[in-house]
C-alpha atoms as a PDB file:
ATOM      1  CA  UNK A   1     105.247  70.520  67.379  1.00  0.00           C
ATOM      2  CA  UNK A   2     102.047  68.989  68.708  1.00  0.00           C
ATOM      3  CA  UNK A   3     103.194  67.949  72.164  1.00  0.00           C
ATOM      4  CA  UNK A   4     100.572  69.603  74.317  1.00  0.00           C
ATOM      5  CA  UNK A   5     101.147  67.513  77.444  1.00  0.00           C
ATOM      6  CA  UNK A   6     104.811  68.466  77.524  1.00  0.00           C
ATOM      7  CA  UNK A   7     104.094  72.116  76.796  1.00  0.00           C
ATOM      8  CA  UNK A   8     101.410  72.140  79.498  1.00  0.00           C
ATOM      9  CA  UNK A   9     103.936  70.723  81.959  1.00  0.00           C
ATOM     10  CA  UNK A  10     106.539  73.313  80.976  1.00  0.00           C
ATOM     11  CA  UNK A  11     103.956  76.113  81.277  1.00  0.00           C
ATOM     12  CA  UNK A  12     102.931  74.853  84.721  1.00  0.00           C
ATOM     13  CA  UNK A  13     106.527  74.647  85.916  1.00  0.00           C
ATOM     14  CA  UNK A  14     107.277  78.124  84.578  1.00  0.00           C
ATOM     15  CA  UNK A  15     104.214  79.500  86.385  1.00  0.00           C
ATOM     16  CA  UNK A  16     105.379  77.827  89.603  1.00  0.00           C
ATOM     17  CA  UNK A  17     108.851  79.306  89.168  1.00  0.00           C
ATOM     18  CA  UNK A  18     107.255  82.724  88.586  1.00  0.00           C
ATOM     19  CA  UNK A  19     105.195  82.414  91.770  1.00  0.00           C
ATOM     20  CA  UNK A  20     108.276  81.411  93.778  1.00  0.00           C
ATOM     21  CA  UNK A  21     110.194  84.385  92.375  1.00  0.00           C
ATOM     22  CA  UNK A  22     107.378  86.727  93.430  1.00  0.00           C
ATOM     23  CA  UNK A  23     107.435  85.256  96.950  1.00  0.00           C
ATOM     24  CA  UNK A  24     111.223  85.672  97.130  1.00  0.00           C
ATOM     25  CA  UNK A  25     110.878  89.284  95.981  1.00  0.00           C
ATOM     26  CA  UNK A  26     108.305  90.029  98.683  1.00  0.00           C
ATOM     27  CA  UNK A  27     110.589  88.433 101.282  1.00  0.00           C
ATOM     28  CA  UNK A  28     113.474  90.627 100.087  1.00  0.00           C
ATOM     29  CA  UNK A  29     111.204  93.676 100.363  1.00  0.00           C
ATOM     30  CA  UNK A  30     110.303  92.720 103.936  1.00  0.00           C
ATOM     31  CA  UNK A  31     113.965  92.341 104.923  1.00  0.00           C
ATOM     32  CA  UNK A  32     114.774  95.725 103.414  1.00  0.00           C
ATOM     33  CA  UNK A  33     111.817  97.323 105.217  1.00  0.00           C
ATOM     34  CA  UNK A  34     113.065  95.838 108.499  1.00  0.00           C
ATOM     35  CA  UNK A  35     116.498  97.374 107.981  1.00  0.00           C
ATOM     36  CA  UNK A  36     114.969 100.733 107.066  1.00  0.00           C
ATOM     37  CA  UNK A  37     112.826 100.633 110.218  1.00  0.00           C
ATOM     38  CA  UNK A  38     115.891  99.845 112.324  1.00  0.00           C
ATOM     39  CA  UNK A  39     117.766 102.769 110.759  1.00  0.00           C
ATOM     40  CA  UNK A  40     114.825 105.016 111.665  1.00  0.00           C
ATOM     41  CA  UNK A  41     114.860 103.733 115.242  1.00  0.00           C
ATOM     42  CA  UNK A  42     118.590 104.340 115.544  1.00  0.00           C
ATOM     43  CA  UNK A  43     118.184 107.871 114.210  1.00  0.00           C
ATOM     44  CA  UNK A  44     115.491 108.505 116.831  1.00  0.00           C
ATOM     45  CA  UNK A  45     117.762 107.143 119.581  1.00  0.00           C
ATOM     46  CA  UNK A  46     120.629 109.292 118.335  1.00  0.00           C
ATOM     47  CA  UNK A  47     118.423 112.387 118.313  1.00  0.00           C
ATOM     48  CA  UNK A  48     117.274 111.707 121.891  1.00  0.00           C
ATOM     49  CA  UNK A  49     120.842 111.034 123.028  1.00  0.00           C
ATOM     50  CA  UNK A  50     122.130 114.229 121.448  1.00  0.00           C
ATOM     51  CA  UNK A  51     119.342 116.266 123.040  1.00  0.00           C
ATOM     52  CA  UNK A  52     120.039 114.718 126.451  1.00  0.00           C
ATOM     53  CA  UNK A  53     123.813 115.050 126.131  1.00  0.00           C
ATOM     54  CA  UNK A  54     125.223 117.299 128.763  1.00  0.00           C
ATOM     55  CA  UNK A  55     122.024 117.614 130.801  1.00  0.00           C
ATOM     56  CA  UNK A  56     123.107 115.140 133.468  1.00  0.00           C
ATOM     57  CA  UNK A  57     126.515 115.734 135.036  1.00  0.00           C
ATOM     58  CA  UNK A  58     126.825 112.149 136.307  1.00  0.00           C
ATOM     59  CA  UNK A  59     126.264 110.660 132.858  1.00  0.00           C
ATOM     60  CA  UNK A  60     128.743 113.078 131.357  1.00  0.00           C
ATOM     61  CA  UNK A  61     131.317 112.323 134.059  1.00  0.00           C
ATOM     62  CA  UNK A  62     130.975 108.565 133.580  1.00  0.00           C
ATOM     63  CA  UNK A  63     131.168 109.002 129.806  1.00  0.00           C
ATOM     64  CA  UNK A  64     127.969 107.007 129.386  1.00  0.00           C
ATOM     65  CA  UNK A  65     126.768 109.462 126.761  1.00  0.00           C
ATOM     66  CA  UNK A  66     129.891 108.976 124.658  1.00  0.00           C
ATOM     67  CA  UNK A  67     129.701 105.188 124.966  1.00  0.00           C
ATOM     68  CA  UNK A  68     126.013 105.220 124.012  1.00  0.00           C
ATOM     69  CA  UNK A  69     126.714 107.450 121.004  1.00  0.00           C
ATOM     70  CA  UNK A  70     129.562 105.157 119.901  1.00  0.00           C
ATOM     71  CA  UNK A  71     127.272 102.121 120.199  1.00  0.00           C
ATOM     72  CA  UNK A  72     124.583 103.852 118.132  1.00  0.00           C
ATOM     73  CA  UNK A  73     127.144 104.845 115.474  1.00  0.00           C
ATOM     74  CA  UNK A  74     128.584 101.314 115.332  1.00  0.00           C
ATOM     75  CA  UNK A  75     125.139  99.753 115.125  1.00  0.00           C
ATOM     76  CA  UNK A  76     124.090 102.260 112.468  1.00  0.00           C
ATOM     77  CA  UNK A  77     127.131 101.352 110.358  1.00  0.00           C
ATOM     78  CA  UNK A  78     126.236  97.646 110.595  1.00  0.00           C
ATOM     79  CA  UNK A  79     122.597  98.281 109.761  1.00  0.00           C
ATOM     80  CA  UNK A  80     123.567 100.542 106.840  1.00  0.00           C
ATOM     81  CA  UNK A  81     125.743  97.733 105.464  1.00  0.00           C
ATOM     82  CA  UNK A  82     122.919  95.219 105.922  1.00  0.00           C
ATOM     83  CA  UNK A  83     120.505  97.650 104.282  1.00  0.00           C
ATOM     84  CA  UNK A  84     122.792  98.047 101.270  1.00  0.00           C
ATOM     85  CA  UNK A  85     123.048  94.265 100.951  1.00  0.00           C
ATOM     86  CA  UNK A  86     119.287  93.871 101.243  1.00  0.00           C
ATOM     87  CA  UNK A  87     118.730  96.504  98.538  1.00  0.00           C
ATOM     88  CA  UNK A  88     121.138  94.612  96.270  1.00  0.00           C
ATOM     89  CA  UNK A  89     119.326  91.337  97.014  1.00  0.00           C
ATOM     90  CA  UNK A  90     115.970  92.978  96.320  1.00  0.00           C
ATOM     91  CA  UNK A  91     117.201  94.306  92.982  1.00  0.00           C
ATOM     92  CA  UNK A  92     118.584  90.882  92.088  1.00  0.00           C
ATOM     93  CA  UNK A  93     115.296  89.307  93.128  1.00  0.00           C
ATOM     94  CA  UNK A  94     113.378  91.824  91.026  1.00  0.00           C
ATOM     95  CA  UNK A  95     115.483  90.958  87.977  1.00  0.00           C
ATOM     96  CA  UNK A  96     114.924  87.243  88.592  1.00  0.00           C
ATOM     97  CA  UNK A  97     111.183  87.840  88.990  1.00  0.00           C
ATOM     98  CA  UNK A  98     111.087  89.658  85.665  1.00  0.00           C
ATOM     99  CA  UNK A  99     112.972  86.804  83.987  1.00  0.00           C
ATOM    100  CA  UNK A 100     110.582  84.279  85.555  1.00  0.00           C
ATOM    101  CA  UNK A 101     107.578  86.261  84.284  1.00  0.00           C
ATOM    102  CA  UNK A 102     109.101  86.306  80.792  1.00  0.00           C
ATOM    103  CA  UNK A 103     109.768  82.548  80.890  1.00  0.00           C
ATOM    104  CA  UNK A 104     106.238  81.854  82.132  1.00  0.00           C
ATOM    105  CA  UNK A 105     104.759  84.037  79.409  1.00  0.00           C
ATOM    106  CA  UNK A 106     106.851  82.336  76.721  1.00  0.00           C
ATOM    107  CA  UNK A 107     105.919  78.881  78.033  1.00  0.00           C
ATOM    108  CA  UNK A 108     102.236  79.853  78.097  1.00  0.00           C
ATOM    109  CA  UNK A 109     102.424  81.152  74.520  1.00  0.00           C
ATOM    110  CA  UNK A 110     104.206  77.966  73.436  1.00  0.00           C
ATOM    111  CA  UNK A 111     101.509  75.843  75.063  1.00  0.00           C
ATOM    112  CA  UNK A 112      98.721  77.899  73.461  1.00  0.00           C
ATOM    113  CA  UNK A 113     100.369  77.536  70.044  1.00  0.00           C
ATOM    114  CA  UNK A 114     100.792  73.789  70.519  1.00  0.00           C
ATOM    115  CA  UNK A 115      97.170  73.464  71.649  1.00  0.00           C
ATOM    116  CA  UNK A 116      95.886  75.370  68.602  1.00  0.00           C
ATOM    117  CA  UNK A 117      98.049  73.243  66.334  1.00  0.00           C
ATOM    118  CA  UNK A 118      96.784  70.058  67.985  1.00  0.00           C
ATOM    119  CA  UNK A 119      93.183  71.252  67.530  1.00  0.00           C
ATOM    120  CA  UNK A 120      93.832  71.964  63.845  1.00  0.00           C
ATOM    121  CA  UNK A 121      95.325  68.490  63.366  1.00  0.00           C
ATOM    122  CA  UNK A 122      92.413  66.890  65.213  1.00  0.00           C
ATOM    123  CA  UNK A 123      89.867  68.880  63.185  1.00  0.00           C
ATOM    124  CA  UNK A 124      91.629  67.937  59.930  1.00  0.00           C
ATOM    125  CA  UNK A 125      91.579  64.240  60.916  1.00  0.00           C
ATOM    126  CA  UNK A 126      87.897  64.445  61.821  1.00  0.00           C
ATOM    127  CA  UNK A 127      87.110  66.156  58.523  1.00  0.00           C
ATOM    128  CA  UNK A 128      89.041  63.512  56.584  1.00  0.00           C
ATOM    129  CA  UNK A 129      87.220  60.770  58.495  1.00  0.00           C
ATOM    130  CA  UNK A 130      83.828  62.366  57.800  1.00  0.00           C
ATOM    131  CA  UNK A 131      84.667  62.721  54.102  1.00  0.00           C
ATOM    132  CA  UNK A 132      85.720  59.074  53.958  1.00  0.00           C
ATOM    133  CA  UNK A 133      82.485  58.016  55.668  1.00  0.00           C
ATOM    134  CA  UNK A 134      80.445  60.176  53.287  1.00  0.00           C
ATOM    135  CA  UNK A 135      82.171  58.574  50.298  1.00  0.00           C
ATOM    136  CA  UNK A 136      81.562  55.117  51.733  1.00  0.00           C
ATOM    137  CA  UNK A 137      77.911  55.972  52.280  1.00  0.00           C
ATOM    138  CA  UNK A 138      77.656  57.013  48.623  1.00  0.00           C
ATOM    139  CA  UNK A 139      79.364  53.803  47.568  1.00  0.00           C
ATOM    140  CA  UNK A 140      82.547  55.383  46.323  1.00  0.00           C
ATOM    141  CA  UNK A 141      85.964  54.728  47.792  1.00  0.00           C
ATOM    142  CA  UNK A 142      88.059  57.269  45.867  1.00  0.00           C
ATOM    143  CA  UNK A 143      87.822  60.972  46.704  1.00  0.00           C
END
């Protein structure tokens, strides 16, 4: 199994795949953080709206408070759904990142093993060549 160029290529590709998986995971984290921040903003808006509810007779009469609260609730439901999807994507991305790390580690180990084996073969050939040269220098051709 002394195919070090191929194993080096496989190890390099696996490392690239690992790096791409890490980038995708960080992107999924950022999307999730954005949804969490939006949920926090909506909760703040809801708190302010509930505190202000009923303080202005004109807003109450025009039902602006109720419409605003409905909009916040509708938006919150959408953002909660998006947040749940982003958490699922992040978990999927995390699993893929772990698999990519495992593949990269296995490819690296395979390449290291192939490199050691290639070195052993090369060293054995060099030793055999040196022994043959030593025998030739002594005038003998049989070991």
